[in-house]
Protein backbone atom coordinates (compact mmCIF):
# COMPACT_ATOMS: atom_id res chain seq x y z
CA UNK A 1 18.82 -10.61 22.27
CA UNK A 2 15.41 -9.87 20.78
CA UNK A 3 14.58 -11.65 17.51
CA UNK A 4 12.79 -10.07 14.55
CA UNK A 5 10.54 -12.65 12.90
CA UNK A 6 9.15 -12.63 9.35
CA UNK A 7 5.39 -12.44 8.90
CA UNK A 8 3.77 -15.90 8.57
CA UNK A 9 2.14 -17.17 5.38
CA UNK A 10 -1.37 -17.34 6.87
CA UNK A 11 -3.76 -14.76 5.40
CA UNK A 12 -5.35 -12.03 7.51
CA UNK A 13 -9.12 -12.53 7.64
CA UNK A 14 -9.99 -9.65 9.96
CA UNK A 15 -8.10 -6.65 11.27
CA UNK A 16 -9.33 -4.51 14.14
CA UNK A 17 -7.57 -1.38 15.36
CA UNK A 18 -7.52 -1.44 19.15
CA UNK A 19 -5.84 1.92 19.72
CA UNK A 20 -6.45 5.49 18.70
CA UNK A 21 -5.57 9.05 19.68
CA UNK A 22 -4.77 8.83 23.36
CA UNK A 23 -6.98 10.37 26.02
CA UNK A 24 -4.35 9.63 28.62
CA UNK A 25 -2.45 12.85 29.31
CA UNK A 26 -4.98 14.91 27.35
CA UNK A 27 -7.31 17.57 28.70
CA UNK A 28 -7.94 21.31 28.98
CA UNK A 29 -6.30 24.28 30.67
CA UNK A 30 -8.64 27.04 31.88
CA UNK A 31 -7.23 30.56 32.28
CA UNK A 32 -8.40 33.38 34.56
CA UNK A 33 -10.01 35.01 31.54
CA UNK A 34 -12.21 31.96 31.08
CA UNK A 35 -10.43 30.91 27.89
CA UNK A 36 -9.70 27.22 27.50
CA UNK A 37 -6.91 25.47 25.66
CA UNK A 38 -7.13 21.79 24.79
CA UNK A 39 -3.97 19.71 24.78
CA UNK A 40 -3.28 16.10 23.80
CA UNK A 41 -0.49 13.56 23.93
CA UNK A 42 1.21 12.20 20.85
CA UNK A 43 -1.02 9.13 20.97
CA UNK A 44 -0.88 5.50 21.94
CA UNK A 45 1.12 2.92 20.09
CA UNK A 46 -0.67 1.47 17.09
CA UNK A 47 -2.24 -1.86 18.01
CA UNK A 48 -4.23 -4.40 16.03
CA UNK A 49 -6.25 -7.48 16.81
CA UNK A 50 -5.43 -9.82 13.94
CA UNK A 51 -7.59 -12.80 12.99
CA UNK A 52 -6.14 -15.35 10.57
CA UNK A 53 -8.01 -17.24 7.88
CA UNK A 54 -8.43 -20.99 8.42
CA UNK A 55 -5.40 -22.86 7.15
CA UNK A 56 -3.83 -26.31 7.20
CA UNK A 57 -0.62 -28.12 6.40
CA UNK A 58 2.63 -26.21 6.13
CA UNK A 59 1.07 -22.70 6.52
CA UNK A 60 -0.64 -23.90 9.71
CA UNK A 61 2.63 -25.27 11.06
CA UNK A 62 4.45 -22.03 10.28
CA UNK A 63 1.71 -19.98 11.94
CA UNK A 64 2.01 -22.19 15.02
CA UNK A 65 5.79 -21.78 15.09
CA UNK A 66 5.50 -18.01 14.62
CA UNK A 67 3.13 -17.67 17.58
CA UNK A 68 5.46 -19.71 19.76
CA UNK A 69 8.53 -17.76 18.63
CA UNK A 70 6.89 -14.45 19.57
CA UNK A 71 7.43 -15.67 23.15
CA UNK A 72 4.40 -13.80 24.52
CA UNK A 73 5.86 -10.42 23.55
CA UNK A 74 9.57 -11.04 24.12
CA UNK A 75 10.34 -11.16 20.38
CA UNK A 76 9.17 -8.93 17.53
CA UNK A 77 7.67 -9.49 14.09
CA UNK A 78 7.50 -7.55 10.85
CA UNK A 79 3.92 -6.64 9.97
CA UNK A 80 3.07 -5.50 6.41
CA UNK A 81 -0.10 -3.59 7.28
CA UNK A 82 -2.97 -4.72 5.03
CA UNK A 83 -5.35 -2.07 3.71
CA UNK A 84 -8.37 -3.41 1.84
CA UNK A 85 -9.36 0.21 1.09
CA UNK A 86 -6.04 1.22 -0.41
CA UNK A 87 -6.65 3.43 -3.49
CA UNK A 88 -6.83 1.46 -6.70
CA UNK A 89 -4.35 2.24 -9.46
CA UNK A 90 -7.07 3.75 -11.64
CA UNK A 91 -7.89 6.22 -8.83
CA UNK A 92 -4.37 7.61 -8.84
CA UNK A 93 -3.73 7.51 -12.58
CA UNK A 94 -1.18 4.71 -12.69
CA UNK A 95 -1.30 1.78 -15.10
CA UNK A 96 0.21 -1.61 -14.40
CA UNK A 97 2.46 -1.31 -17.43
CA UNK A 98 3.90 2.00 -16.31
CA UNK A 99 4.36 0.81 -12.75
CA UNK A 100 6.18 -2.43 -13.59
CA UNK A 101 9.68 -2.44 -12.18
CA UNK A 102 12.86 -2.73 -14.22
CA UNK A 103 11.22 -2.30 -17.65
CA UNK A 104 9.60 -5.75 -17.47
CA UNK A 105 12.96 -7.49 -17.46
CA UNK A 106 12.70 -10.96 -15.99
CA UNK A 107 14.60 -12.61 -13.18
CA UNK A 108 16.85 -15.55 -14.06
CA UNK A 109 13.90 -17.93 -13.49
CA UNK A 110 11.81 -16.07 -16.08
CA UNK A 111 9.52 -14.35 -13.58
CA UNK A 112 8.89 -10.61 -13.94
CA UNK A 113 9.15 -8.00 -11.21
CA UNK A 114 5.80 -7.48 -9.56
CA UNK A 115 4.09 -4.22 -10.66
CA UNK A 116 4.25 -1.54 -7.97
CA UNK A 117 2.93 2.01 -7.62
CA UNK A 118 6.33 3.28 -6.55
CA UNK A 119 7.26 5.84 -3.91
CA UNK A 120 7.18 9.64 -3.52
CA UNK A 121 10.10 11.56 -2.03
CA UNK A 122 9.51 13.86 0.93
CA UNK A 123 9.76 17.62 0.38
CA UNK A 124 11.72 18.60 3.46
CA UNK A 125 12.86 16.87 6.62
CA UNK A 126 10.57 16.46 9.63
CA UNK A 127 11.56 15.91 13.24
CA UNK A 128 10.35 12.98 15.30
CA UNK A 129 7.03 13.90 16.88
CA UNK A 130 5.86 16.03 13.96
CA UNK A 131 2.24 15.54 12.90
CA UNK A 132 2.67 16.90 9.36
CA UNK A 133 4.55 15.76 6.27
CA UNK A 134 5.09 17.30 2.86
CA UNK A 135 5.76 15.33 -0.32
CA UNK A 136 7.31 16.13 -3.66
CA UNK A 137 5.22 16.85 -6.76
CA UNK A 138 5.55 13.37 -8.19
CA UNK A 139 3.58 10.19 -8.91
CA UNK A 140 0.47 9.85 -6.70
CA UNK A 141 1.27 12.69 -4.26
CA UNK A 142 -1.41 14.98 -5.70
CA UNK A 143 -4.11 12.32 -5.32
CA UNK A 144 -3.73 11.78 -1.55
CA UNK A 145 -6.86 12.40 0.49
CA UNK A 146 -7.96 11.85 4.08
CA UNK A 147 -7.96 8.24 5.18
CA UNK A 148 -4.96 7.23 3.09
CA UNK A 149 -2.40 5.07 4.84
CA UNK A 150 1.27 5.96 4.41
CA UNK A 151 4.62 4.56 5.41
CA UNK A 152 8.17 5.73 4.77
CA UNK A 153 11.36 4.16 3.45
CA UNK A 154 14.13 3.26 3.96
CA UNK A 155 14.44 1.73 7.44
CA UNK A 156 11.38 3.48 8.86
CA UNK A 157 8.91 1.20 10.57
CA UNK A 158 5.66 3.09 11.02
CA UNK A 159 2.09 3.33 9.76
CA UNK A 160 0.40 6.72 9.44
CA UNK A 161 -3.10 7.79 8.47
CA UNK A 162 -3.81 11.08 6.70
CA UNK A 163 -6.33 12.99 8.81
CA UNK A 164 -6.25 16.37 7.05
CA UNK A 165 -5.10 17.81 3.73
CA UNK A 166 -3.44 21.11 4.65
CA UNK A 167 -2.25 22.07 1.17
CA UNK A 168 -1.33 20.30 -2.03
CA UNK A 169 1.05 17.54 -0.96
CA UNK A 170 1.13 18.65 2.70
CA UNK A 171 -0.79 16.50 5.17
CA UNK A 172 -1.56 16.06 8.83
CA UNK A 173 -1.04 12.50 10.02
CA UNK A 174 -1.83 10.25 12.95
CA UNK A 175 0.13 9.05 14.83
CA UNK A 176 2.99 11.54 15.01
CA UNK A 177 6.25 10.60 13.32
CA UNK A 178 8.01 7.92 15.30
CA UNK A 179 11.48 9.07 14.26
CA UNK A 180 13.14 11.81 12.23
CA UNK A 181 12.21 11.88 8.55
CA UNK A 182 15.30 12.92 6.53
CA UNK A 183 15.20 14.60 3.13
CA UNK A 184 16.36 11.31 1.58
CA UNK A 185 13.19 9.48 2.74
CA UNK A 186 10.22 8.60 0.56
CA UNK A 187 6.57 7.82 1.20
CA UNK A 188 5.07 4.43 0.32
CA UNK A 189 1.53 3.04 0.23
CA UNK A 190 2.74 -0.24 1.71
CA UNK A 191 3.85 0.60 5.27
CA UNK A 192 5.45 -1.92 7.58
CA UNK A 193 5.45 -2.02 11.35
CA UNK A 194 7.52 -3.94 13.82
CA UNK A 195 5.17 -5.34 16.44
CA UNK A 196 5.21 -7.44 19.59
CA UNK A 197 2.46 -9.71 20.87
CA UNK A 198 0.38 -8.38 23.75
CA UNK A 199 1.00 -10.93 26.52
CA UNK A 200 -1.60 -13.71 26.75
CA UNK A 201 -3.57 -12.40 23.74
CA UNK A 202 -2.97 -15.35 21.36
CA UNK A 203 -5.83 -17.79 20.90
CA UNK A 204 -7.11 -20.34 18.41
CA UNK A 205 -7.49 -24.04 17.85
CA UNK A 206 -7.64 -26.82 15.29
CA UNK A 207 -10.65 -28.68 13.99
CA UNK A 208 -10.47 -31.86 11.94
CA UNK A 209 -10.32 -29.75 8.77
CA UNK A 210 -8.25 -26.62 9.54
CA UNK A 211 -7.23 -24.08 12.10
CA UNK A 212 -10.07 -22.07 13.62
CA UNK A 213 -10.25 -18.83 15.55
CA UNK A 214 -6.53 -18.08 15.25
CA UNK A 215 -6.03 -14.52 16.52
CA UNK A 216 -3.54 -12.35 18.35
CA UNK A 217 -3.22 -8.73 19.51
CA UNK A 218 -0.07 -6.99 18.29
CA UNK A 219 1.33 -3.71 19.61
CA UNK A 220 3.72 -1.42 17.76
CA UNK A 221 7.39 -1.37 18.67
CA UNK A 222 8.46 2.23 18.13
CA UNK A 223 10.88 2.79 15.28
CA UNK A 224 13.24 4.60 17.67
CA UNK A 225 13.65 1.28 19.52
CA UNK A 226 13.94 -0.86 16.40
CA UNK A 227 16.71 1.13 14.71
CA UNK A 228 19.30 0.81 17.51
CA UNK A 229 18.63 -2.94 17.58
CA UNK A 230 20.10 -3.20 14.03
CA UNK A 231 17.72 -5.98 13.05
CA UNK A 232 17.32 -5.04 9.40
């Protein structure tokens, strides 16, 4: 049975997208009138080349174990997709005080909930394969612009980029929805993917001081495959 691994503690130093809208299966149809119609596939799976920051000690050991446990693509890992260009709270009109969870009530160890920008409910279901989504008039929905990165909850592993603002709170996304988006779903600015290692893509070593050159290429496992595996 496939295993779903947690993300390791090592920080991401560099992230490179190694996939985009697919050219495979795309092209043009030419009619007798001379008119042409362009068509395209839904797109390749999202893939990233991930480079890790130098580390040592326990984080280095856990990174080493994680790479081994991926079994060259046989097992999967959660991947909280980092976005260094994610909109800042001031850009979307949210203060840390207002966004704090649970009215600043502490856990039993005295620690507070971490502030969070919250989620926005979807305004209507969308079928798997759709390239548009519509959100409710709430929270940061009216601030969304092209280039924003969205995910959906609950139990929806996928990362989507806004490529066009069609109307207020209605957006075109890439890639297309990996699975059906029910009316009970909500959009989040912190998407998560489930990914598998591309075989033979892991590399890196260890100097006298720390790890060096640790990197791996990860490829998306489609949400429609993850859900039946019941690995939540």
